[in-house]
């Protein structure tokens, strides 16, 4: 699983851009919430 900052680094985008894509694009993979954290991972 990857967090938004990890995705941004991996794809060469800003974390703000990745967050915007995740929030607005229905085709973006669904977030997975794991136990012990509130941070969404993909």
ModelCIF file with pLDDT and N, C-alpha, C, O atoms, coordinates in Angstrom:
data_MODEL
#
_entry.id   MODEL 
#
_entity.id                         1 
_entity.type                       polymer 
_entity.pdbx_number_of_molecules   1 
#
_entity_poly.entity_id                      1 
_entity_poly.type                           'polypeptide(L)' 
_entity_poly.nstd_linkage                   no 
_entity_poly.nstd_monomer                   no 
_entity_poly.pdbx_seq_one_letter_code       
;(UNK)(UNK)(UNK)(UNK)(UNK)(UNK)(UNK)(UNK)(UNK)(UNK)(UNK)(UNK)(UNK)(UNK)(UNK)(UNK)
(UNK)(UNK)(UNK)(UNK)(UNK)(UNK)(UNK)(UNK)(UNK)(UNK)(UNK)(UNK)(UNK)(UNK)(UNK)(UNK)
(UNK)(UNK)(UNK)(UNK)(UNK)(UNK)(UNK)(UNK)(UNK)(UNK)
;
_entity_poly.pdbx_seq_one_letter_code_can   XXXXXXXXXXXXXXXXXXXXXXXXXXXXXXXXXXXXXXXXXX 
_entity_poly.pdbx_strand_id                 A 
#
loop_
_entity_poly_seq.entity_id 
_entity_poly_seq.num 
_entity_poly_seq.mon_id 
_entity_poly_seq.hetero 
1 1  UNK n 
1 2  UNK n 
1 3  UNK n 
1 4  UNK n 
1 5  UNK n 
1 6  UNK n 
1 7  UNK n 
1 8  UNK n 
1 9  UNK n 
1 10 UNK n 
1 11 UNK n 
1 12 UNK n 
1 13 UNK n 
1 14 UNK n 
1 15 UNK n 
1 16 UNK n 
1 17 UNK n 
1 18 UNK n 
1 19 UNK n 
1 20 UNK n 
1 21 UNK n 
1 22 UNK n 
1 23 UNK n 
1 24 UNK n 
1 25 UNK n 
1 26 UNK n 
1 27 UNK n 
1 28 UNK n 
1 29 UNK n 
1 30 UNK n 
1 31 UNK n 
1 32 UNK n 
1 33 UNK n 
1 34 UNK n 
1 35 UNK n 
1 36 UNK n 
1 37 UNK n 
1 38 UNK n 
1 39 UNK n 
1 40 UNK n 
1 41 UNK n 
1 42 UNK n 
#
_struct_asym.id          A 
_struct_asym.entity_id   1 
#
loop_
_ma_qa_metric.id 
_ma_qa_metric.mode 
_ma_qa_metric.name 
_ma_qa_metric.software_group_id 
_ma_qa_metric.type 
1 global pLDDT . pLDDT 
2 local  pLDDT . pLDDT 
#
_ma_qa_metric_global.metric_id      1 
_ma_qa_metric_global.metric_value   93.14 
_ma_qa_metric_global.model_id       1 
_ma_qa_metric_global.ordinal_id     1 
#
loop_
_ma_qa_metric_local.label_asym_id 
_ma_qa_metric_local.label_comp_id 
_ma_qa_metric_local.label_seq_id 
_ma_qa_metric_local.metric_id 
_ma_qa_metric_local.metric_value 
_ma_qa_metric_local.model_id 
_ma_qa_metric_local.ordinal_id 
A UNK 1  2 93.00 1 1  
A UNK 2  2 94.00 1 2  
A UNK 3  2 94.00 1 3  
A UNK 4  2 95.00 1 4  
A UNK 5  2 95.00 1 5  
A UNK 6  2 93.00 1 6  
A UNK 7  2 94.00 1 7  
A UNK 8  2 95.00 1 8  
A UNK 9  2 93.00 1 9  
A UNK 10 2 91.00 1 10 
A UNK 11 2 90.00 1 11 
A UNK 12 2 91.00 1 12 
A UNK 13 2 93.00 1 13 
A UNK 14 2 95.00 1 14 
A UNK 15 2 95.00 1 15 
A UNK 16 2 96.00 1 16 
A UNK 17 2 95.00 1 17 
A UNK 18 2 96.00 1 18 
A UNK 19 2 96.00 1 19 
A UNK 20 2 96.00 1 20 
A UNK 21 2 95.00 1 21 
A UNK 22 2 95.00 1 22 
A UNK 23 2 95.00 1 23 
A UNK 24 2 95.00 1 24 
A UNK 25 2 94.00 1 25 
A UNK 26 2 94.00 1 26 
A UNK 27 2 94.00 1 27 
A UNK 28 2 96.00 1 28 
A UNK 29 2 96.00 1 29 
A UNK 30 2 95.00 1 30 
A UNK 31 2 94.00 1 31 
A UNK 32 2 92.00 1 32 
A UNK 33 2 88.00 1 33 
A UNK 34 2 85.00 1 34 
A UNK 35 2 88.00 1 35 
A UNK 36 2 90.00 1 36 
A UNK 37 2 87.00 1 37 
A UNK 38 2 88.00 1 38 
A UNK 39 2 90.00 1 39 
A UNK 40 2 91.00 1 40 
A UNK 41 2 94.00 1 41 
A UNK 42 2 96.00 1 42 
#
loop_
_atom_site.group_PDB 
_atom_site.id 
_atom_site.type_symbol 
_atom_site.label_atom_id 
_atom_site.label_alt_id 
_atom_site.label_comp_id 
_atom_site.label_asym_id 
_atom_site.label_entity_id 
_atom_site.label_seq_id 
_atom_site.pdbx_PDB_ins_code 
_atom_site.Cartn_x 
_atom_site.Cartn_y 
_atom_site.Cartn_z 
_atom_site.occupancy 
_atom_site.B_iso_or_equiv 
_atom_site.pdbx_formal_charge 
_atom_site.auth_seq_id 
_atom_site.auth_comp_id 
_atom_site.auth_asym_id 
_atom_site.auth_atom_id 
_atom_site.pdbx_PDB_model_num 
ATOM 1   N N  . UNK A 1 1  ? 0.828   -1.199 0.000   1.00 93.00 ? 1  UNK A N  1 
ATOM 2   C CA . UNK A 1 1  ? 0.000   0.000  0.000   1.00 93.00 ? 1  UNK A CA 1 
ATOM 3   C C  . UNK A 1 1  ? 0.867   1.255  0.000   1.00 93.00 ? 1  UNK A C  1 
ATOM 4   O O  . UNK A 1 1  ? 1.929   1.286  0.622   1.00 93.00 ? 1  UNK A O  1 
ATOM 5   N N  . UNK A 1 2  ? 0.409   2.283  -0.698  1.00 94.00 ? 2  UNK A N  1 
ATOM 6   C CA . UNK A 1 2  ? 1.138   3.543  -0.801  1.00 94.00 ? 2  UNK A CA 1 
ATOM 7   C C  . UNK A 1 2  ? 0.295   4.690  -0.268  1.00 94.00 ? 2  UNK A C  1 
ATOM 8   O O  . UNK A 1 2  ? -0.921  4.711  -0.455  1.00 94.00 ? 2  UNK A O  1 
ATOM 9   N N  . UNK A 1 3  ? 0.941   5.643  0.396   1.00 94.00 ? 3  UNK A N  1 
ATOM 10  C CA . UNK A 1 3  ? 0.261   6.857  0.829   1.00 94.00 ? 3  UNK A CA 1 
ATOM 11  C C  . UNK A 1 3  ? 0.316   7.880  -0.313  1.00 94.00 ? 3  UNK A C  1 
ATOM 12  O O  . UNK A 1 3  ? 1.023   7.678  -1.301  1.00 94.00 ? 3  UNK A O  1 
ATOM 13  N N  . UNK A 1 4  ? -0.419  8.954  -0.171  1.00 95.00 ? 4  UNK A N  1 
ATOM 14  C CA . UNK A 1 4  ? -0.423  10.020 -1.186  1.00 95.00 ? 4  UNK A CA 1 
ATOM 15  C C  . UNK A 1 4  ? 1.003   10.557 -1.432  1.00 95.00 ? 4  UNK A C  1 
ATOM 16  O O  . UNK A 1 4  ? 1.409   10.668 -2.589  1.00 95.00 ? 4  UNK A O  1 
ATOM 17  N N  . UNK A 1 5  ? 1.772   10.894 -0.381  1.00 95.00 ? 5  UNK A N  1 
ATOM 18  C CA . UNK A 1 5  ? 3.137   11.381 -0.645  1.00 95.00 ? 5  UNK A CA 1 
ATOM 19  C C  . UNK A 1 5  ? 4.021   10.349 -1.355  1.00 95.00 ? 5  UNK A C  1 
ATOM 20  O O  . UNK A 1 5  ? 4.863   10.715 -2.175  1.00 95.00 ? 5  UNK A O  1 
ATOM 21  N N  . UNK A 1 6  ? 3.834   9.070  -1.044  1.00 93.00 ? 6  UNK A N  1 
ATOM 22  C CA . UNK A 1 6  ? 4.608   8.020  -1.714  1.00 93.00 ? 6  UNK A CA 1 
ATOM 23  C C  . UNK A 1 6  ? 4.216   7.910  -3.191  1.00 93.00 ? 6  UNK A C  1 
ATOM 24  O O  . UNK A 1 6  ? 5.074   7.720  -4.052  1.00 93.00 ? 6  UNK A O  1 
ATOM 25  N N  . UNK A 1 7  ? 2.927   8.030  -3.474  1.00 94.00 ? 7  UNK A N  1 
ATOM 26  C CA . UNK A 1 7  ? 2.460   8.008  -4.869  1.00 94.00 ? 7  UNK A CA 1 
ATOM 27  C C  . UNK A 1 7  ? 3.034   9.202  -5.616  1.00 94.00 ? 7  UNK A C  1 
ATOM 28  O O  . UNK A 1 7  ? 3.496   9.067  -6.749  1.00 94.00 ? 7  UNK A O  1 
ATOM 29  N N  . UNK A 1 8  ? 3.006   10.369 -4.985  1.00 95.00 ? 8  UNK A N  1 
ATOM 30  C CA . UNK A 1 8  ? 3.514   11.587 -5.620  1.00 95.00 ? 8  UNK A CA 1 
ATOM 31  C C  . UNK A 1 8  ? 4.988   11.431 -5.981  1.00 95.00 ? 8  UNK A C  1 
ATOM 32  O O  . UNK A 1 8  ? 5.400   11.771 -7.090  1.00 95.00 ? 8  UNK A O  1 
ATOM 33  N N  . UNK A 1 9  ? 5.767   10.926 -5.059  1.00 93.00 ? 9  UNK A N  1 
ATOM 34  C CA . UNK A 1 9  ? 7.198   10.733 -5.307  1.00 93.00 ? 9  UNK A CA 1 
ATOM 35  C C  . UNK A 1 9  ? 7.417   9.718  -6.421  1.00 93.00 ? 9  UNK A C  1 
ATOM 36  O O  . UNK A 1 9  ? 8.266   9.911  -7.291  1.00 93.00 ? 9  UNK A O  1 
ATOM 37  N N  . UNK A 1 10 ? 6.657   8.656  -6.388  1.00 91.00 ? 10 UNK A N  1 
ATOM 38  C CA . UNK A 1 10 ? 6.793   7.581  -7.369  1.00 91.00 ? 10 UNK A CA 1 
ATOM 39  C C  . UNK A 1 10 ? 6.413   8.049  -8.781  1.00 91.00 ? 10 UNK A C  1 
ATOM 40  O O  . UNK A 1 10 ? 7.009   7.605  -9.763  1.00 91.00 ? 10 UNK A O  1 
ATOM 41  N N  . UNK A 1 11 ? 5.418   8.946  -8.883  1.00 90.00 ? 11 UNK A N  1 
ATOM 42  C CA . UNK A 1 11 ? 4.903   9.383  -10.182 1.00 90.00 ? 11 UNK A CA 1 
ATOM 43  C C  . UNK A 1 11 ? 5.463   10.725 -10.638 1.00 90.00 ? 11 UNK A C  1 
ATOM 44  O O  . UNK A 1 11 ? 5.197   11.155 -11.761 1.00 90.00 ? 11 UNK A O  1 
ATOM 45  N N  . UNK A 1 12 ? 6.235   11.391 -9.781  1.00 91.00 ? 12 UNK A N  1 
ATOM 46  C CA . UNK A 1 12 ? 6.801   12.680 -10.164 1.00 91.00 ? 12 UNK A CA 1 
ATOM 47  C C  . UNK A 1 12 ? 5.793   13.814 -10.152 1.00 91.00 ? 12 UNK A C  1 
ATOM 48  O O  . UNK A 1 12 ? 5.911   14.762 -10.928 1.00 91.00 ? 12 UNK A O  1 
ATOM 49  N N  . UNK A 1 13 ? 4.809   13.723 -9.280  1.00 93.00 ? 13 UNK A N  1 
ATOM 50  C CA . UNK A 1 13 ? 3.793   14.767 -9.141  1.00 93.00 ? 13 UNK A CA 1 
ATOM 51  C C  . UNK A 1 13 ? 3.861   15.350 -7.741  1.00 93.00 ? 13 UNK A C  1 
ATOM 52  O O  . UNK A 1 13 ? 4.505   14.782 -6.859  1.00 93.00 ? 13 UNK A O  1 
ATOM 53  N N  . UNK A 1 14 ? 3.206   16.469 -7.533  1.00 95.00 ? 14 UNK A N  1 
ATOM 54  C CA . UNK A 1 14 ? 3.119   17.017 -6.179  1.00 95.00 ? 14 UNK A CA 1 
ATOM 55  C C  . UNK A 1 14 ? 2.067   16.215 -5.408  1.00 95.00 ? 14 UNK A C  1 
ATOM 56  O O  . UNK A 1 14 ? 1.166   15.618 -5.997  1.00 95.00 ? 14 UNK A O  1 
ATOM 57  N N  . UNK A 1 15 ? 2.199   16.216 -4.098  1.00 95.00 ? 15 UNK A N  1 
ATOM 58  C CA . UNK A 1 15 ? 1.210   15.483 -3.299  1.00 95.00 ? 15 UNK A CA 1 
ATOM 59  C C  . UNK A 1 15 ? -0.160  16.151 -3.405  1.00 95.00 ? 15 UNK A C  1 
ATOM 60  O O  . UNK A 1 15 ? -1.189  15.482 -3.319  1.00 95.00 ? 15 UNK A O  1 
ATOM 61  N N  . UNK A 1 16 ? -0.171  17.479 -3.593  1.00 96.00 ? 16 UNK A N  1 
ATOM 62  C CA . UNK A 1 16 ? -1.438  18.181 -3.757  1.00 96.00 ? 16 UNK A CA 1 
ATOM 63  C C  . UNK A 1 16 ? -2.139  17.735 -5.038  1.00 96.00 ? 16 UNK A C  1 
ATOM 64  O O  . UNK A 1 16 ? -3.359  17.573 -5.061  1.00 96.00 ? 16 UNK A O  1 
ATOM 65  N N  . UNK A 1 17 ? -1.363  17.538 -6.101  1.00 95.00 ? 17 UNK A N  1 
ATOM 66  C CA . UNK A 1 17 ? -1.943  17.101 -7.376  1.00 95.00 ? 17 UNK A CA 1 
ATOM 67  C C  . UNK A 1 17 ? -2.502  15.683 -7.247  1.00 95.00 ? 17 UNK A C  1 
ATOM 68  O O  . UNK A 1 17 ? -3.598  15.396 -7.729  1.00 95.00 ? 17 UNK A O  1 
ATOM 69  N N  . UNK A 1 18 ? -1.746  14.801 -6.594  1.00 96.00 ? 18 UNK A N  1 
ATOM 70  C CA . UNK A 1 18 ? -2.218  13.416 -6.416  1.00 96.00 ? 18 UNK A CA 1 
ATOM 71  C C  . UNK A 1 18 ? -3.483  13.414 -5.570  1.00 96.00 ? 18 UNK A C  1 
ATOM 72  O O  . UNK A 1 18 ? -4.428  12.685 -5.871  1.00 96.00 ? 18 UNK A O  1 
ATOM 73  N N  . UNK A 1 19 ? -3.509  14.222 -4.516  1.00 96.00 ? 19 UNK A N  1 
ATOM 74  C CA . UNK A 1 19 ? -4.703  14.289 -3.673  1.00 96.00 ? 19 UNK A CA 1 
ATOM 75  C C  . UNK A 1 19 ? -5.901  14.792 -4.478  1.00 96.00 ? 19 UNK A C  1 
ATOM 76  O O  . UNK A 1 19 ? -7.010  14.278 -4.332  1.00 96.00 ? 19 UNK A O  1 
ATOM 77  N N  . UNK A 1 20 ? -5.678  15.790 -5.321  1.00 96.00 ? 20 UNK A N  1 
ATOM 78  C CA . UNK A 1 20 ? -6.751  16.309 -6.171  1.00 96.00 ? 20 UNK A CA 1 
ATOM 79  C C  . UNK A 1 20 ? -7.278  15.260 -7.129  1.00 96.00 ? 20 UNK A C  1 
ATOM 80  O O  . UNK A 1 20 ? -8.486  15.148 -7.335  1.00 96.00 ? 20 UNK A O  1 
ATOM 81  N N  . UNK A 1 21 ? -6.372  14.491 -7.714  1.00 95.00 ? 21 UNK A N  1 
ATOM 82  C CA . UNK A 1 21 ? -6.776  13.422 -8.631  1.00 95.00 ? 21 UNK A CA 1 
ATOM 83  C C  . UNK A 1 21 ? -7.568  12.366 -7.873  1.00 95.00 ? 21 UNK A C  1 
ATOM 84  O O  . UNK A 1 21 ? -8.615  11.914 -8.337  1.00 95.00 ? 21 UNK A O  1 
ATOM 85  N N  . UNK A 1 22 ? -7.065  11.972 -6.703  1.00 95.00 ? 22 UNK A N  1 
ATOM 86  C CA . UNK A 1 22 ? -7.739  10.945 -5.901  1.00 95.00 ? 22 UNK A CA 1 
ATOM 87  C C  . UNK A 1 22 ? -9.135  11.392 -5.480  1.00 95.00 ? 22 UNK A C  1 
ATOM 88  O O  . UNK A 1 22 ? -10.053 10.578 -5.378  1.00 95.00 ? 22 UNK A O  1 
ATOM 89  N N  . UNK A 1 23 ? -9.286  12.686 -5.239  1.00 95.00 ? 23 UNK A N  1 
ATOM 90  C CA . UNK A 1 23 ? -10.571 13.219 -4.766  1.00 95.00 ? 23 UNK A CA 1 
ATOM 91  C C  . UNK A 1 23 ? -11.580 13.399 -5.895  1.00 95.00 ? 23 UNK A C  1 
ATOM 92  O O  . UNK A 1 23 ? -12.782 13.239 -5.681  1.00 95.00 ? 23 UNK A O  1 
ATOM 93  N N  . UNK A 1 24 ? -11.102 13.732 -7.102  1.00 95.00 ? 24 UNK A N  1 
ATOM 94  C CA . UNK A 1 24 ? -12.038 14.092 -8.171  1.00 95.00 ? 24 UNK A CA 1 
ATOM 95  C C  . UNK A 1 24 ? -12.226 13.042 -9.259  1.00 95.00 ? 24 UNK A C  1 
ATOM 96  O O  . UNK A 1 24 ? -13.246 13.047 -9.948  1.00 95.00 ? 24 UNK A O  1 
ATOM 97  N N  . UNK A 1 25 ? -11.263 12.144 -9.424  1.00 94.00 ? 25 UNK A N  1 
ATOM 98  C CA . UNK A 1 25 ? -11.357 11.162 -10.506 1.00 94.00 ? 25 UNK A CA 1 
ATOM 99  C C  . UNK A 1 25 ? -11.963 9.858  -9.988  1.00 94.00 ? 25 UNK A C  1 
ATOM 100 O O  . UNK A 1 25 ? -11.345 9.169  -9.176  1.00 94.00 ? 25 UNK A O  1 
ATOM 101 N N  . UNK A 1 26 ? -13.167 9.513  -10.450 1.00 94.00 ? 26 UNK A N  1 
ATOM 102 C CA . UNK A 1 26 ? -13.809 8.289  -9.974  1.00 94.00 ? 26 UNK A CA 1 
ATOM 103 C C  . UNK A 1 26 ? -13.060 7.012  -10.388 1.00 94.00 ? 26 UNK A C  1 
ATOM 104 O O  . UNK A 1 26 ? -13.313 5.945  -9.829  1.00 94.00 ? 26 UNK A O  1 
ATOM 105 N N  . UNK A 1 27 ? -12.155 7.110  -11.346 1.00 94.00 ? 27 UNK A N  1 
ATOM 106 C CA . UNK A 1 27 ? -11.397 5.946  -11.799 1.00 94.00 ? 27 UNK A CA 1 
ATOM 107 C C  . UNK A 1 27 ? -10.163 5.684  -10.935 1.00 94.00 ? 27 UNK A C  1 
ATOM 108 O O  . UNK A 1 27 ? -9.533  4.634  -11.060 1.00 94.00 ? 27 UNK A O  1 
ATOM 109 N N  . UNK A 1 28 ? -9.814  6.630  -10.061 1.00 96.00 ? 28 UNK A N  1 
ATOM 110 C CA . UNK A 1 28 ? -8.653  6.440  -9.187  1.00 96.00 ? 28 UNK A CA 1 
ATOM 111 C C  . UNK A 1 28 ? -8.956  5.297  -8.222  1.00 96.00 ? 28 UNK A C  1 
ATOM 112 O O  . UNK A 1 28 ? -10.088 5.160  -7.759  1.00 96.00 ? 28 UNK A O  1 
ATOM 113 N N  . UNK A 1 29 ? -7.943  4.470  -7.914  1.00 96.00 ? 29 UNK A N  1 
ATOM 114 C CA . UNK A 1 29 ? -8.189  3.323  -7.018  1.00 96.00 ? 29 UNK A CA 1 
ATOM 115 C C  . UNK A 1 29 ? -8.776  3.752  -5.669  1.00 96.00 ? 29 UNK A C  1 
ATOM 116 O O  . UNK A 1 29 ? -8.484  4.835  -5.162  1.00 96.00 ? 29 UNK A O  1 
ATOM 117 N N  . UNK A 1 30 ? -9.594  2.892  -5.114  1.00 95.00 ? 30 UNK A N  1 
ATOM 118 C CA . UNK A 1 30 ? -10.227 3.170  -3.821  1.00 95.00 ? 30 UNK A CA 1 
ATOM 119 C C  . UNK A 1 30 ? -9.196  3.113  -2.698  1.00 95.00 ? 30 UNK A C  1 
ATOM 120 O O  . UNK A 1 30 ? -8.275  2.296  -2.723  1.00 95.00 ? 30 UNK A O  1 
ATOM 121 N N  . UNK A 1 31 ? -9.366  3.989  -1.721  1.00 94.00 ? 31 UNK A N  1 
ATOM 122 C CA . UNK A 1 31 ? -8.476  4.033  -0.566  1.00 94.00 ? 31 UNK A CA 1 
ATOM 123 C C  . UNK A 1 31 ? -8.734  2.845  0.352   1.00 94.00 ? 31 UNK A C  1 
ATOM 124 O O  . UNK A 1 31 ? -9.852  2.339  0.448   1.00 94.00 ? 31 UNK A O  1 
ATOM 125 N N  . UNK A 1 32 ? -7.674  2.419  1.018   1.00 92.00 ? 32 UNK A N  1 
ATOM 126 C CA . UNK A 1 32 ? -7.767  1.340  1.996   1.00 92.00 ? 32 UNK A CA 1 
ATOM 127 C C  . UNK A 1 32 ? -7.356  1.926  3.340   1.00 92.00 ? 32 UNK A C  1 
ATOM 128 O O  . UNK A 1 32 ? -6.266  2.484  3.468   1.00 92.00 ? 32 UNK A O  1 
ATOM 129 N N  . UNK A 1 33 ? -8.214  1.802  4.334   1.00 88.00 ? 33 UNK A N  1 
ATOM 130 C CA . UNK A 1 33 ? -7.890  2.280  5.672   1.00 88.00 ? 33 UNK A CA 1 
ATOM 131 C C  . UNK A 1 33 ? -7.446  1.066  6.482   1.00 88.00 ? 33 UNK A C  1 
ATOM 132 O O  . UNK A 1 33 ? -8.189  0.094  6.622   1.00 88.00 ? 33 UNK A O  1 
ATOM 133 N N  . UNK A 1 34 ? -6.229  1.132  7.012   1.00 85.00 ? 34 UNK A N  1 
ATOM 134 C CA . UNK A 1 34 ? -5.705  0.016  7.800   1.00 85.00 ? 34 UNK A CA 1 
ATOM 135 C C  . UNK A 1 34 ? -5.852  0.322  9.282   1.00 85.00 ? 34 UNK A C  1 
ATOM 136 O O  . UNK A 1 34 ? -5.976  1.482  9.676   1.00 85.00 ? 34 UNK A O  1 
ATOM 137 N N  . UNK A 1 35 ? -5.839  -0.704 10.087  1.00 88.00 ? 35 UNK A N  1 
ATOM 138 C CA . UNK A 1 35 ? -5.978  -0.551 11.532  1.00 88.00 ? 35 UNK A CA 1 
ATOM 139 C C  . UNK A 1 35 ? -4.798  0.232  12.096  1.00 88.00 ? 35 UNK A C  1 
ATOM 140 O O  . UNK A 1 35 ? -3.656  0.043  11.675  1.00 88.00 ? 35 UNK A O  1 
ATOM 141 N N  . UNK A 1 36 ? -5.082  1.098  13.038  1.00 90.00 ? 36 UNK A N  1 
ATOM 142 C CA . UNK A 1 36 ? -4.039  1.840  13.719  1.00 90.00 ? 36 UNK A CA 1 
ATOM 143 C C  . UNK A 1 36 ? -3.654  3.152  13.067  1.00 90.00 ? 36 UNK A C  1 
ATOM 144 O O  . UNK A 1 36 ? -2.755  3.833  13.558  1.00 90.00 ? 36 UNK A O  1 
ATOM 145 N N  . UNK A 1 37 ? -4.304  3.527  11.978  1.00 87.00 ? 37 UNK A N  1 
ATOM 146 C CA . UNK A 1 37 ? -3.999  4.791  11.313  1.00 87.00 ? 37 UNK A CA 1 
ATOM 147 C C  . UNK A 1 37 ? -5.243  5.328  10.619  1.00 87.00 ? 37 UNK A C  1 
ATOM 148 O O  . UNK A 1 37 ? -6.135  4.570  10.236  1.00 87.00 ? 37 UNK A O  1 
ATOM 149 N N  . UNK A 1 38 ? -5.286  6.627  10.467  1.00 88.00 ? 38 UNK A N  1 
ATOM 150 C CA . UNK A 1 38 ? -6.391  7.241  9.727   1.00 88.00 ? 38 UNK A CA 1 
ATOM 151 C C  . UNK A 1 38 ? -5.951  7.652  8.337   1.00 88.00 ? 38 UNK A C  1 
ATOM 152 O O  . UNK A 1 38 ? -6.749  8.170  7.555   1.00 88.00 ? 38 UNK A O  1 
ATOM 153 N N  . UNK A 1 39 ? -4.672  7.422  8.023   1.00 90.00 ? 39 UNK A N  1 
ATOM 154 C CA . UNK A 1 39 ? -4.134  7.796  6.711   1.00 90.00 ? 39 UNK A CA 1 
ATOM 155 C C  . UNK A 1 39 ? -4.581  6.780  5.661   1.00 90.00 ? 39 UNK A C  1 
ATOM 156 O O  . UNK A 1 39 ? -4.391  5.573  5.814   1.00 90.00 ? 39 UNK A O  1 
ATOM 157 N N  . UNK A 1 40 ? -5.171  7.297  4.606   1.00 91.00 ? 40 UNK A N  1 
ATOM 158 C CA . UNK A 1 40 ? -5.603  6.432  3.508   1.00 91.00 ? 40 UNK A CA 1 
ATOM 159 C C  . UNK A 1 40 ? -4.386  5.939  2.740   1.00 91.00 ? 40 UNK A C  1 
ATOM 160 O O  . UNK A 1 40 ? -3.430  6.685  2.526   1.00 91.00 ? 40 UNK A O  1 
ATOM 161 N N  . UNK A 1 41 ? -4.429  4.688  2.332   1.00 94.00 ? 41 UNK A N  1 
ATOM 162 C CA . UNK A 1 41 ? -3.372  4.111  1.521   1.00 94.00 ? 41 UNK A CA 1 
ATOM 163 C C  . UNK A 1 41 ? -4.018  3.470  0.297   1.00 94.00 ? 41 UNK A C  1 
ATOM 164 O O  . UNK A 1 41 ? -5.193  3.106  0.313   1.00 94.00 ? 41 UNK A O  1 
ATOM 165 N N  . UNK A 1 42 ? -3.233  3.343  -0.750  1.00 96.00 ? 42 UNK A N  1 
ATOM 166 C CA . UNK A 1 42 ? -3.750  2.859  -2.022  1.00 96.00 ? 42 UNK A CA 1 
ATOM 167 C C  . UNK A 1 42 ? -2.911  1.686  -2.509  1.00 96.00 ? 42 UNK A C  1 
ATOM 168 O O  . UNK A 1 42 ? -3.185  1.131  -3.573  1.00 96.00 ? 42 UNK A O  1 
#
